[in-house]
Amino acid sequence: DFCKKGARVEVLAPSNRWREAQVVRVGGGVARIHYTGYDAQFDEEVPLDNQRLRPFGQIRSEKLKERKENFVLQMDAGCCPGCGVKLQCTDKMALGYVPPDKFVKPEEEDLS
């Protein structure tokens, strides 16, 4: 039912990882699939009664669920030197990270 010609699906690839694919042809109890982003030499026929095929969208929903579960908000990570918005993490590999040596320190006020 979800596995029709032109449909986007997810396939458990020979690498044992779920991959996005498109159905090229259906017939004889098998679906010819093309892995998204891969050359046609990796296309393969997957039996329709096999557990290697599933509807499109589960890979992304699993990744999103994992990100939401692992998200940690760190409120005292500092502020953006440009706009003053608080940074969300101190992890050097995460988005929003600014090295401490790049922070612009406010000049001391002249009290004279």
PDB file of N, CA and C in Angstrom:
ATOM      1  N   ASP A   1       0.819  -1.201   0.000  1.00  0.00           N
ATOM      2  CA  ASP A   1       0.000   0.000   0.000  1.00  0.00           C
ATOM      3  C   ASP A   1       0.861   1.263   0.000  1.00  0.00           C
ATOM      4  N   PHE A   2       1.862   1.391   0.894  1.00  0.00           N
ATOM      5  CA  PHE A   2       2.736   2.569   0.898  1.00  0.00           C
ATOM      6  C   PHE A   2       3.834   2.442  -0.149  1.00  0.00           C
ATOM      7  N   CYS A   3       4.013   1.234  -0.665  1.00  0.00           N
ATOM      8  CA  CYS A   3       5.120   0.953  -1.589  1.00  0.00           C
ATOM      9  C   CYS A   3       4.622   0.936  -3.033  1.00  0.00           C
ATOM     10  N   LYS A   4       4.458   2.139  -3.603  1.00  0.00           N
ATOM     11  CA  LYS A   4       4.012   2.297  -4.984  1.00  0.00           C
ATOM     12  C   LYS A   4       5.106   2.990  -5.779  1.00  0.00           C
ATOM     13  N   LYS A   5       5.074   2.831  -7.090  1.00  0.00           N
ATOM     14  CA  LYS A   5       6.072   3.463  -7.944  1.00  0.00           C
ATOM     15  C   LYS A   5       6.128   4.964  -7.680  1.00  0.00           C
ATOM     16  N   GLY A   6       7.338   5.481  -7.447  1.00  0.00           N
ATOM     17  CA  GLY A   6       7.554   6.897  -7.191  1.00  0.00           C
ATOM     18  C   GLY A   6       7.462   7.279  -5.724  1.00  0.00           C
ATOM     19  N   ALA A   7       6.995   6.370  -4.883  1.00  0.00           N
ATOM     20  CA  ALA A   7       6.840   6.679  -3.456  1.00  0.00           C
ATOM     21  C   ALA A   7       8.189   6.731  -2.755  1.00  0.00           C
ATOM     22  N   ARG A   8       8.279   7.620  -1.775  1.00  0.00           N
ATOM     23  CA  ARG A   8       9.477   7.669  -0.931  1.00  0.00           C
ATOM     24  C   ARG A   8       9.268   6.676   0.203  1.00  0.00           C
ATOM     25  N   VAL A   9      10.281   5.878   0.455  1.00  0.00           N
ATOM     26  CA  VAL A   9      10.221   4.857   1.498  1.00  0.00           C
ATOM     27  C   VAL A   9      11.530   4.857   2.270  1.00  0.00           C
ATOM     28  N   GLU A  10      11.570   4.044   3.300  1.00  0.00           N
ATOM     29  CA  GLU A  10      12.810   3.809   4.035  1.00  0.00           C
ATOM     30  C   GLU A  10      13.124   2.326   3.935  1.00  0.00           C
ATOM     31  N   VAL A  11      14.397   2.028   3.712  1.00  0.00           N
ATOM     32  CA  VAL A  11      14.832   0.657   3.494  1.00  0.00           C
ATOM     33  C   VAL A  11      15.979   0.330   4.439  1.00  0.00           C
ATOM     34  N   LEU A  12      15.919  -0.844   5.029  1.00  0.00           N
ATOM     35  CA  LEU A  12      17.043  -1.319   5.830  1.00  0.00           C
ATOM     36  C   LEU A  12      18.082  -1.831   4.845  1.00  0.00           C
ATOM     37  N   ALA A  13      19.126  -1.038   4.644  1.00  0.00           N
ATOM     38  CA  ALA A  13      20.152  -1.326   3.639  1.00  0.00           C
ATOM     39  C   ALA A  13      21.043  -2.482   4.077  1.00  0.00           C
ATOM     40  N   PRO A  14      21.813  -3.031   3.148  1.00  0.00           N
ATOM     41  CA  PRO A  14      22.746  -4.097   3.508  1.00  0.00           C
ATOM     42  C   PRO A  14      23.735  -3.691   4.608  1.00  0.00           C
ATOM     43  N   SER A  15      23.939  -2.387   4.787  1.00  0.00           N
ATOM     44  CA  SER A  15      24.824  -1.890   5.848  1.00  0.00           C
ATOM     45  C   SER A  15      24.140  -1.962   7.217  1.00  0.00           C
ATOM     46  N   ASN A  16      22.897  -2.435   7.230  1.00  0.00           N
ATOM     47  CA  ASN A  16      22.094  -2.569   8.452  1.00  0.00           C
ATOM     48  C   ASN A  16      21.701  -1.214   9.037  1.00  0.00           C
ATOM     49  N   ARG A  17      21.601  -0.203   8.165  1.00  0.00           N
ATOM     50  CA  ARG A  17      21.135   1.132   8.568  1.00  0.00           C
ATOM     51  C   ARG A  17      19.923   1.481   7.728  1.00  0.00           C
ATOM     52  N   TRP A  18      18.963   2.184   8.333  1.00  0.00           N
ATOM     53  CA  TRP A  18      17.798   2.640   7.578  1.00  0.00           C
ATOM     54  C   TRP A  18      18.210   3.790   6.678  1.00  0.00           C
ATOM     55  N   ARG A  19      17.820   3.693   5.398  1.00  0.00           N
ATOM     56  CA  ARG A  19      18.162   4.709   4.400  1.00  0.00           C
ATOM     57  C   ARG A  19      16.902   5.170   3.689  1.00  0.00           C
ATOM     58  N   GLU A  20      16.906   6.443   3.274  1.00  0.00           N
ATOM     59  CA  GLU A  20      15.808   6.959   2.468  1.00  0.00           C
ATOM     60  C   GLU A  20      15.981   6.459   1.043  1.00  0.00           C
ATOM     61  N   ALA A  21      14.854   6.121   0.408  1.00  0.00           N
ATOM     62  CA  ALA A  21      14.892   5.590  -0.953  1.00  0.00           C
ATOM     63  C   ALA A  21      13.604   5.951  -1.682  1.00  0.00           C
ATOM     64  N   GLN A  22      13.606   5.693  -2.988  1.00  0.00           N
ATOM     65  CA  GLN A  22      12.423   5.909  -3.809  1.00  0.00           C
ATOM     66  C   GLN A  22      12.134   4.621  -4.570  1.00  0.00           C
ATOM     67  N   VAL A  23      10.857   4.280  -4.658  1.00  0.00           N
ATOM     68  CA  VAL A  23      10.450   3.073  -5.381  1.00  0.00           C
ATOM     69  C   VAL A  23      10.504   3.371  -6.867  1.00  0.00           C
ATOM     70  N   VAL A  24      11.278   2.565  -7.599  1.00  0.00           N
ATOM     71  CA  VAL A  24      11.432   2.737  -9.039  1.00  0.00           C
ATOM     72  C   VAL A  24      10.411   1.891  -9.786  1.00  0.00           C
ATOM     73  N   ARG A  25      10.179   0.663  -9.272  1.00  0.00           N
ATOM     74  CA  ARG A  25       9.282  -0.266  -9.943  1.00  0.00           C
ATOM     75  C   ARG A  25       8.749  -1.253  -8.910  1.00  0.00           C
ATOM     76  N   VAL A  26       7.504  -1.689  -9.104  1.00  0.00           N
ATOM     77  CA  VAL A  26       6.910  -2.703  -8.241  1.00  0.00           C
ATOM     78  C   VAL A  26       6.318  -3.782  -9.130  1.00  0.00           C
ATOM     79  N   GLY A  27       6.611  -5.033  -8.790  1.00  0.00           N
ATOM     80  CA  GLY A  27       6.048  -6.142  -9.556  1.00  0.00           C
ATOM     81  C   GLY A  27       6.660  -7.460  -9.131  1.00  0.00           C
ATOM     82  N   GLY A  28       5.875  -8.521  -9.251  1.00  0.00           N
ATOM     83  CA  GLY A  28       6.384  -9.848  -8.914  1.00  0.00           C
ATOM     84  C   GLY A  28       6.714 -10.010  -7.441  1.00  0.00           C
ATOM     85  N   GLY A  29       6.057  -9.246  -6.603  1.00  0.00           N
ATOM     86  CA  GLY A  29       6.293  -9.367  -5.164  1.00  0.00           C
ATOM     87  C   GLY A  29       7.543  -8.663  -4.659  1.00  0.00           C
ATOM     88  N   VAL A  30       8.174  -7.857  -5.536  1.00  0.00           N
ATOM     89  CA  VAL A  30       9.370  -7.122  -5.113  1.00  0.00           C
ATOM     90  C   VAL A  30       9.254  -5.656  -5.525  1.00  0.00           C
ATOM     91  N   ALA A  31       9.981  -4.814  -4.829  1.00  0.00           N
ATOM     92  CA  ALA A  31      10.063  -3.388  -5.171  1.00  0.00           C
ATOM     93  C   ALA A  31      11.506  -3.081  -5.541  1.00  0.00           C
ATOM     94  N   ARG A  32      11.682  -2.483  -6.682  1.00  0.00           N
ATOM     95  CA  ARG A  32      13.011  -2.011  -7.096  1.00  0.00           C
ATOM     96  C   ARG A  32      13.161  -0.627  -6.483  1.00  0.00           C
ATOM     97  N   ILE A  33      14.167  -0.442  -5.645  1.00  0.00           N
ATOM     98  CA  ILE A  33      14.339   0.833  -4.954  1.00  0.00           C
ATOM     99  C   ILE A  33      15.656   1.492  -5.344  1.00  0.00           C
ATOM    100  N   HIS A  34      15.625   2.828  -5.278  1.00  0.00           N
ATOM    101  CA  HIS A  34      16.825   3.629  -5.524  1.00  0.00           C
ATOM    102  C   HIS A  34      17.126   4.408  -4.250  1.00  0.00           C
ATOM    103  N   TYR A  35      18.291   4.198  -3.679  1.00  0.00           N
ATOM    104  CA  TYR A  35      18.691   4.901  -2.462  1.00  0.00           C
ATOM    105  C   TYR A  35      18.961   6.369  -2.765  1.00  0.00           C
ATOM    106  N   THR A  36      18.327   7.259  -2.039  1.00  0.00           N
ATOM    107  CA  THR A  36      18.485   8.697  -2.228  1.00  0.00           C
ATOM    108  C   THR A  36      19.930   9.112  -1.971  1.00  0.00           C
ATOM    109  N   GLY A  37      20.528   9.788  -2.957  1.00  0.00           N
ATOM    110  CA  GLY A  37      21.898  10.269  -2.814  1.00  0.00           C
ATOM    111  C   GLY A  37      22.961   9.264  -3.231  1.00  0.00           C
ATOM    112  N   TYR A  38      22.544   8.107  -3.712  1.00  0.00           N
ATOM    113  CA  TYR A  38      23.495   7.087  -4.132  1.00  0.00           C
ATOM    114  C   TYR A  38      23.356   6.827  -5.619  1.00  0.00           C
ATOM    115  N   ASP A  39      24.402   6.293  -6.225  1.00  0.00           N
ATOM    116  CA  ASP A  39      24.415   5.958  -7.630  1.00  0.00           C
ATOM    117  C   ASP A  39      23.465   4.788  -7.900  1.00  0.00           C
ATOM    118  N   ALA A  40      22.985   4.691  -9.139  1.00  0.00           N
ATOM    119  CA  ALA A  40      22.042   3.637  -9.527  1.00  0.00           C
ATOM    120  C   ALA A  40      22.633   2.235  -9.362  1.00  0.00           C
ATOM    121  N   GLN A  41      23.935   2.126  -9.291  1.00  0.00           N
ATOM    122  CA  GLN A  41      24.543   0.797  -9.110  1.00  0.00           C
ATOM    123  C   GLN A  41      24.160   0.174  -7.772  1.00  0.00           C
ATOM    124  N   PHE A  42      23.687   1.002  -6.818  1.00  0.00           N
ATOM    125  CA  PHE A  42      23.296   0.490  -5.511  1.00  0.00           C
ATOM    126  C   PHE A  42      21.799   0.180  -5.423  1.00  0.00           C
ATOM    127  N   ASP A  43      21.049   0.439  -6.513  1.00  0.00           N
ATOM    128  CA  ASP A  43      19.629   0.085  -6.528  1.00  0.00           C
ATOM    129  C   ASP A  43      19.507  -1.414  -6.275  1.00  0.00           C
ATOM    130  N   GLU A  44      18.402  -1.797  -5.638  1.00  0.00           N
ATOM    131  CA  GLU A  44      18.206  -3.227  -5.387  1.00  0.00           C
ATOM    132  C   GLU A  44      16.735  -3.566  -5.343  1.00  0.00           C
ATOM    133  N   GLU A  45      16.451  -4.847  -5.450  1.00  0.00           N
ATOM    134  CA  GLU A  45      15.091  -5.339  -5.355  1.00  0.00           C
ATOM    135  C   GLU A  45      14.876  -5.890  -3.954  1.00  0.00           C
ATOM    136  N   VAL A  46      13.823  -5.409  -3.314  1.00  0.00           N
ATOM    137  CA  VAL A  46      13.511  -5.808  -1.946  1.00  0.00           C
ATOM    138  C   VAL A  46      12.128  -6.462  -1.953  1.00  0.00           C
ATOM    139  N   PRO A  47      12.018  -7.682  -1.419  1.00  0.00           N
ATOM    140  CA  PRO A  47      10.706  -8.343  -1.364  1.00  0.00           C
ATOM    141  C   PRO A  47       9.712  -7.492  -0.559  1.00  0.00           C
ATOM    142  N   LEU A  48       8.476  -7.395  -1.070  1.00  0.00           N
ATOM    143  CA  LEU A  48       7.455  -6.583  -0.416  1.00  0.00           C
ATOM    144  C   LEU A  48       7.045  -7.148   0.940  1.00  0.00           C
ATOM    145  N   ASP A  49       7.169  -8.455   1.122  1.00  0.00           N
ATOM    146  CA  ASP A  49       6.789  -9.061   2.402  1.00  0.00           C
ATOM    147  C   ASP A  49       7.951  -9.043   3.406  1.00  0.00           C
ATOM    148  N   ASN A  50       9.034  -8.373   3.027  1.00  0.00           N
ATOM    149  CA  ASN A  50      10.225  -8.286   3.868  1.00  0.00           C
ATOM    150  C   ASN A  50      10.075  -7.144   4.868  1.00  0.00           C
ATOM    151  N   GLN A  51      10.666  -7.277   6.022  1.00  0.00           N
ATOM    152  CA  GLN A  51      10.611  -6.233   7.046  1.00  0.00           C
ATOM    153  C   GLN A  51      11.626  -5.120   6.796  1.00  0.00           C
ATOM    154  N   ARG A  52      12.267  -5.136   5.632  1.00  0.00           N
ATOM    155  CA  ARG A  52      13.267  -4.115   5.307  1.00  0.00           C
ATOM    156  C   ARG A  52      12.651  -2.848   4.740  1.00  0.00           C
ATOM    157  N   LEU A  53      11.367  -2.852   4.436  1.00  0.00           N
ATOM    158  CA  LEU A  53      10.682  -1.678   3.889  1.00  0.00           C
ATOM    159  C   LEU A  53       9.731  -1.103   4.923  1.00  0.00           C
ATOM    160  N   ARG A  54       9.688   0.220   4.989  1.00  0.00           N
ATOM    161  CA  ARG A  54       8.722   0.882   5.868  1.00  0.00           C
ATOM    162  C   ARG A  54       8.377   2.240   5.269  1.00  0.00           C
ATOM    163  N   PRO A  55       7.266   2.849   5.699  1.00  0.00           N
ATOM    164  CA  PRO A  55       6.866   4.162   5.162  1.00  0.00           C
ATOM    165  C   PRO A  55       7.906   5.229   5.450  1.00  0.00           C
ATOM    166  N   PHE A  56       7.955   6.218   4.580  1.00  0.00           N
ATOM    167  CA  PHE A  56       8.894   7.326   4.707  1.00  0.00           C
ATOM    168  C   PHE A  56       8.558   8.189   5.916  1.00  0.00           C
ATOM    169  N   GLY A  57       9.572   8.712   6.601  1.00  0.00           N
ATOM    170  CA  GLY A  57       9.389   9.678   7.667  1.00  0.00           C
ATOM    171  C   GLY A  57       9.842   9.225   9.037  1.00  0.00           C
ATOM    172  N   GLN A  58      10.052   7.948   9.224  1.00  0.00           N
ATOM    173  CA  GLN A  58      10.424   7.468  10.546  1.00  0.00           C
ATOM    174  C   GLN A  58      11.864   7.791  10.915  1.00  0.00           C
ATOM    175  N   ILE A  59      12.765   7.833   9.944  1.00  0.00           N
ATOM    176  CA  ILE A  59      14.170   8.149  10.231  1.00  0.00           C
ATOM    177  C   ILE A  59      14.254   9.532  10.866  1.00  0.00           C
ATOM    178  N   ARG A  60      13.615  10.517  10.237  1.00  0.00           N
ATOM    179  CA  ARG A  60      13.693  11.890  10.736  1.00  0.00           C
ATOM    180  C   ARG A  60      12.980  12.044  12.068  1.00  0.00           C
ATOM    181  N   SER A  61      11.847  11.358  12.244  1.00  0.00           N
ATOM    182  CA  SER A  61      11.130  11.491  13.512  1.00  0.00           C
ATOM    183  C   SER A  61      11.925  10.858  14.647  1.00  0.00           C
ATOM    184  N   GLU A  62      12.664   9.772  14.356  1.00  0.00           N
ATOM    185  CA  GLU A  62      13.511   9.152  15.378  1.00  0.00           C
ATOM    186  C   GLU A  62      14.662  10.075  15.760  1.00  0.00           C
ATOM    187  N   LYS A  63      15.274  10.722  14.760  1.00  0.00           N
ATOM    188  CA  LYS A  63      16.383  11.646  15.037  1.00  0.00           C
ATOM    189  C   LYS A  63      15.898  12.845  15.834  1.00  0.00           C
ATOM    190  N   LEU A  64      14.724  13.377  15.474  1.00  0.00           N
ATOM    191  CA  LEU A  64      14.173  14.522  16.188  1.00  0.00           C
ATOM    192  C   LEU A  64      13.853  14.152  17.633  1.00  0.00           C
ATOM    193  N   LYS A  65      13.269  12.977  17.823  1.00  0.00           N
ATOM    194  CA  LYS A  65      12.944  12.516  19.178  1.00  0.00           C
ATOM    195  C   LYS A  65      14.217  12.391  20.012  1.00  0.00           C
ATOM    196  N   GLU A  66      15.266  11.837  19.418  1.00  0.00           N
ATOM    197  CA  GLU A  66      16.542  11.685  20.125  1.00  0.00           C
ATOM    198  C   GLU A  66      17.131  13.044  20.494  1.00  0.00           C
ATOM    199  N   ARG A  67      17.066  13.999  19.563  1.00  0.00           N
ATOM    200  CA  ARG A  67      17.588  15.343  19.851  1.00  0.00           C
ATOM    201  C   ARG A  67      16.815  16.008  20.972  1.00  0.00           C
ATOM    202  N   LYS A  68      15.489  15.873  20.948  1.00  0.00           N
ATOM    203  CA  LYS A  68      14.670  16.474  22.002  1.00  0.00           C
ATOM    204  C   LYS A  68      14.983  15.853  23.355  1.00  0.00           C
ATOM    205  N   GLU A  69      15.167  14.521  23.384  1.00  0.00           N
ATOM    206  CA  GLU A  69      15.456  13.835  24.641  1.00  0.00           C
ATOM    207  C   GLU A  69      16.824  14.224  25.196  1.00  0.00           C
ATOM    208  N   ASN A  70      17.780  14.495  24.316  1.00  0.00           N
ATOM    209  CA  ASN A  70      19.147  14.773  24.749  1.00  0.00           C
ATOM    210  C   ASN A  70      19.462  16.262  24.869  1.00  0.00           C
ATOM    211  N   PHE A  71      18.483  17.126  24.566  1.00  0.00           N
ATOM    212  CA  PHE A  71      18.731  18.569  24.604  1.00  0.00           C
ATOM    213  C   PHE A  71      18.900  19.040  26.047  1.00  0.00           C
ATOM    214  N   VAL A  72      19.942  19.825  26.260  1.00  0.00           N
ATOM    215  CA  VAL A  72      20.195  20.396  27.581  1.00  0.00           C
ATOM    216  C   VAL A  72      20.352  21.903  27.410  1.00  0.00           C
ATOM    217  N   LEU A  73      19.523  22.664  28.083  1.00  0.00           N
ATOM    218  CA  LEU A  73      19.607  24.114  28.027  1.00  0.00           C
ATOM    219  C   LEU A  73      20.521  24.587  29.142  1.00  0.00           C
ATOM    220  N   GLN A  74      21.563  25.296  28.784  1.00  0.00           N
ATOM    221  CA  GLN A  74      22.515  25.813  29.768  1.00  0.00           C
ATOM    222  C   GLN A  74      22.384  27.329  29.777  1.00  0.00           C
ATOM    223  N   MET A  75      21.801  27.849  30.829  1.00  0.00           N
ATOM    224  CA  MET A  75      21.484  29.273  30.868  1.00  0.00           C
ATOM    225  C   MET A  75      22.678  30.177  31.156  1.00  0.00           C
ATOM    226  N   ASP A  76      23.727  29.684  31.759  1.00  0.00           N
ATOM    227  CA  ASP A  76      24.841  30.545  32.134  1.00  0.00           C
ATOM    228  C   ASP A  76      26.044  30.369  31.210  1.00  0.00           C
ATOM    229  N   ALA A  77      25.802  30.150  29.940  1.00  0.00           N
ATOM    230  CA  ALA A  77      26.889  29.911  29.007  1.00  0.00           C
ATOM    231  C   ALA A  77      27.481  31.198  28.457  1.00  0.00           C
ATOM    232  N   GLY A  78      26.878  32.345  28.731  1.00  0.00           N
ATOM    233  CA  GLY A  78      27.401  33.605  28.229  1.00  0.00           C
ATOM    234  C   GLY A  78      26.447  34.240  27.242  1.00  0.00           C
ATOM    235  N   CYS A  79      26.878  35.336  26.647  1.00  0.00           N
ATOM    236  CA  CYS A  79      26.039  36.076  25.708  1.00  0.00           C
ATOM    237  C   CYS A  79      26.779  36.277  24.396  1.00  0.00           C
ATOM    238  N   CYS A  80      26.013  36.427  23.329  1.00  0.00           N
ATOM    239  CA  CYS A  80      26.573  36.729  22.018  1.00  0.00           C
ATOM    240  C   CYS A  80      27.181  38.132  22.076  1.00  0.00           C
ATOM    241  N   PRO A  81      28.441  38.294  21.655  1.00  0.00           N
ATOM    242  CA  PRO A  81      29.062  39.615  21.716  1.00  0.00           C
ATOM    243  C   PRO A  81      28.422  40.614  20.752  1.00  0.00           C
ATOM    244  N   GLY A  82      27.735  40.110  19.728  1.00  0.00           N
ATOM    245  CA  GLY A  82      27.121  41.009  18.761  1.00  0.00           C
ATOM    246  C   GLY A  82      25.757  41.507  19.169  1.00  0.00           C
ATOM    247  N   CYS A  83      24.889  40.597  19.583  1.00  0.00           N
ATOM    248  CA  CYS A  83      23.506  41.006  19.865  1.00  0.00           C
ATOM    249  C   CYS A  83      23.101  40.853  21.323  1.00  0.00           C
ATOM    250  N   GLY A  84      23.927  40.206  22.139  1.00  0.00           N
ATOM    251  CA  GLY A  84      23.626  40.072  23.550  1.00  0.00           C
ATOM    252  C   GLY A  84      22.746  38.892  23.913  1.00  0.00           C
ATOM    253  N   VAL A  85      22.334  38.091  22.924  1.00  0.00           N
ATOM    254  CA  VAL A  85      21.489  36.929  23.192  1.00  0.00           C
ATOM    255  C   VAL A  85      22.305  35.887  23.937  1.00  0.00           C
ATOM    256  N   LYS A  86      21.682  35.276  24.935  1.00  0.00           N
ATOM    257  CA  LYS A  86      22.379  34.247  25.690  1.00  0.00           C
ATOM    258  C   LYS A  86      22.669  33.045  24.797  1.00  0.00           C
ATOM    259  N   LEU A  87      23.873  32.528  24.887  1.00  0.00           N
ATOM    260  CA  LEU A  87      24.233  31.311  24.168  1.00  0.00           C
ATOM    261  C   LEU A  87      23.616  30.127  24.890  1.00  0.00           C
ATOM    262  N   GLN A  88      23.327  29.078  24.147  1.00  0.00           N
ATOM    263  CA  GLN A  88      22.626  27.952  24.738  1.00  0.00           C
ATOM    264  C   GLN A  88      23.547  26.844  25.219  1.00  0.00           C
ATOM    265  N   CYS A  89      24.810  26.889  24.871  1.00  0.00           N
ATOM    266  CA  CYS A  89      25.695  25.824  25.334  1.00  0.00           C
ATOM    267  C   CYS A  89      27.148  26.273  25.299  1.00  0.00           C
ATOM    268  N   THR A  90      27.966  25.509  25.976  1.00  0.00           N
ATOM    269  CA  THR A  90      29.400  25.769  25.974  1.00  0.00           C
ATOM    270  C   THR A  90      30.151  24.674  25.223  1.00  0.00           C
ATOM    271  N   ASP A  91      29.408  23.809  24.546  1.00  0.00           N
ATOM    272  CA  ASP A  91      30.002  22.724  23.773  1.00  0.00           C
ATOM    273  C   ASP A  91      30.649  23.295  22.515  1.00  0.00           C
ATOM    274  N   LYS A  92      31.947  23.079  22.334  1.00  0.00           N
ATOM    275  CA  LYS A  92      32.675  23.642  21.197  1.00  0.00           C
ATOM    276  C   LYS A  92      32.158  23.148  19.858  1.00  0.00           C
ATOM    277  N   MET A  93      31.503  21.990  19.831  1.00  0.00           N
ATOM    278  CA  MET A  93      31.022  21.419  18.580  1.00  0.00           C
ATOM    279  C   MET A  93      29.570  21.813  18.276  1.00  0.00           C
ATOM    280  N   ALA A  94      28.917  22.552  19.143  1.00  0.00           N
ATOM    281  CA  ALA A  94      27.504  22.886  18.959  1.00  0.00           C
ATOM    282  C   ALA A  94      27.332  24.253  18.316  1.00  0.00           C
ATOM    283  N   LEU A  95      26.152  24.441  17.701  1.00  0.00           N
ATOM    284  CA  LEU A  95      25.825  25.750  17.132  1.00  0.00           C
ATOM    285  C   LEU A  95      25.694  26.774  18.246  1.00  0.00           C
ATOM    286  N   GLY A  96      26.111  27.972  18.003  1.00  0.00           N
ATOM    287  CA  GLY A  96      25.984  29.040  18.992  1.00  0.00           C
ATOM    288  C   GLY A  96      27.191  29.182  19.890  1.00  0.00           C
ATOM    289  N   TYR A  97      28.174  28.308  19.740  1.00  0.00           N
ATOM    290  CA  TYR A  97      29.361  28.385  20.585  1.00  0.00           C
ATOM    291  C   TYR A  97      30.257  29.527  20.113  1.00  0.00           C
ATOM    292  N   VAL A  98      30.708  30.332  21.056  1.00  0.00           N
ATOM    293  CA  VAL A  98      31.667  31.405  20.779  1.00  0.00           C
ATOM    294  C   VAL A  98      32.829  31.207  21.748  1.00  0.00           C
ATOM    295  N   PRO A  99      34.059  31.065  21.242  1.00  0.00           N
ATOM    296  CA  PRO A  99      35.207  30.886  22.132  1.00  0.00           C
ATOM    297  C   PRO A  99      35.344  32.069  23.084  1.00  0.00           C
ATOM    298  N   PRO A 100      35.696  31.816  24.343  1.00  0.00           N
ATOM    299  CA  PRO A 100      35.813  32.896  25.331  1.00  0.00           C
ATOM    300  C   PRO A 100      36.733  34.031  24.890  1.00  0.00           C
ATOM    301  N   ASP A 101      37.777  33.707  24.134  1.00  0.00           N
ATOM    302  CA  ASP A 101      38.716  34.763  23.710  1.00  0.00           C
ATOM    303  C   ASP A 101      38.119  35.669  22.633  1.00  0.00           C
ATOM    304  N   LYS A 102      36.973  35.326  22.088  1.00  0.00           N
ATOM    305  CA  LYS A 102      36.321  36.147  21.067  1.00  0.00           C
ATOM    306  C   LYS A 102      35.280  37.091  21.654  1.00  0.00           C
ATOM    307  N   PHE A 103      34.979  36.935  22.937  1.00  0.00           N
ATOM    308  CA  PHE A 103      34.003  37.809  23.575  1.00  0.00           C
ATOM    309  C   PHE A 103      34.541  39.236  23.628  1.00  0.00           C
ATOM    310  N   VAL A 104      33.680  40.177  23.355  1.00  0.00           N
ATOM    311  CA  VAL A 104      34.038  41.590  23.464  1.00  0.00           C
ATOM    312  C   VAL A 104      33.697  42.010  24.880  1.00  0.00           C
ATOM    313  N   LYS A 105      34.717  42.445  25.618  1.00  0.00           N
ATOM    314  CA  LYS A 105      34.491  42.862  27.000  1.00  0.00           C
ATOM    315  C   LYS A 105      34.102  44.329  27.016  1.00  0.00           C
ATOM    316  N   PRO A 106      33.031  44.654  27.738  1.00  0.00           N
ATOM    317  CA  PRO A 106      32.635  46.071  27.800  1.00  0.00           C
ATOM    318  C   PRO A 106      33.747  46.900  28.448  1.00  0.00           C
ATOM    319  N   GLU A 107      33.974  48.064  27.870  1.00  0.00           N
ATOM    320  CA  GLU A 107      35.008  48.948  28.436  1.00  0.00           C
ATOM    321  C   GLU A 107      34.549  49.490  29.760  1.00  0.00           C
ATOM    322  N   GLU A 108      35.506  49.667  30.659  1.00  0.00           N
ATOM    323  CA  GLU A 108      35.165  50.211  31.971  1.00  0.00           C
ATOM    324  C   GLU A 108      34.738  51.664  31.803  1.00  0.00           C
ATOM    325  N   GLU A 109      33.693  52.046  32.520  1.00  0.00           N
ATOM    326  CA  GLU A 109      33.192  53.412  32.427  1.00  0.00           C
ATOM    327  C   GLU A 109      34.210  54.377  33.031  1.00  0.00           C
ATOM    328  N   ASP A 110      34.373  55.499  32.390  1.00  0.00           N
ATOM    329  CA  ASP A 110      35.264  56.547  32.892  1.00  0.00           C
ATOM    330  C   ASP A 110      34.495  57.374  33.903  1.00  0.00           C
ATOM    331  N   LEU A 111      34.905  57.324  35.160  1.00  0.00           N
ATOM    332  CA  LEU A 111      34.195  58.001  36.236  1.00  0.00           C
ATOM    333  C   LEU A 111      34.682  59.429  36.451  1.00  0.00           C
ATOM    334  N   SER A 112      35.622  59.936  35.674  1.00  0.00           N
ATOM    335  CA  SER A 112      36.133  61.287  35.901  1.00  0.00           C
ATOM    336  C   SER A 112      35.275  62.360  35.284  1.00  0.00           C
TER     337      SER A 112
END
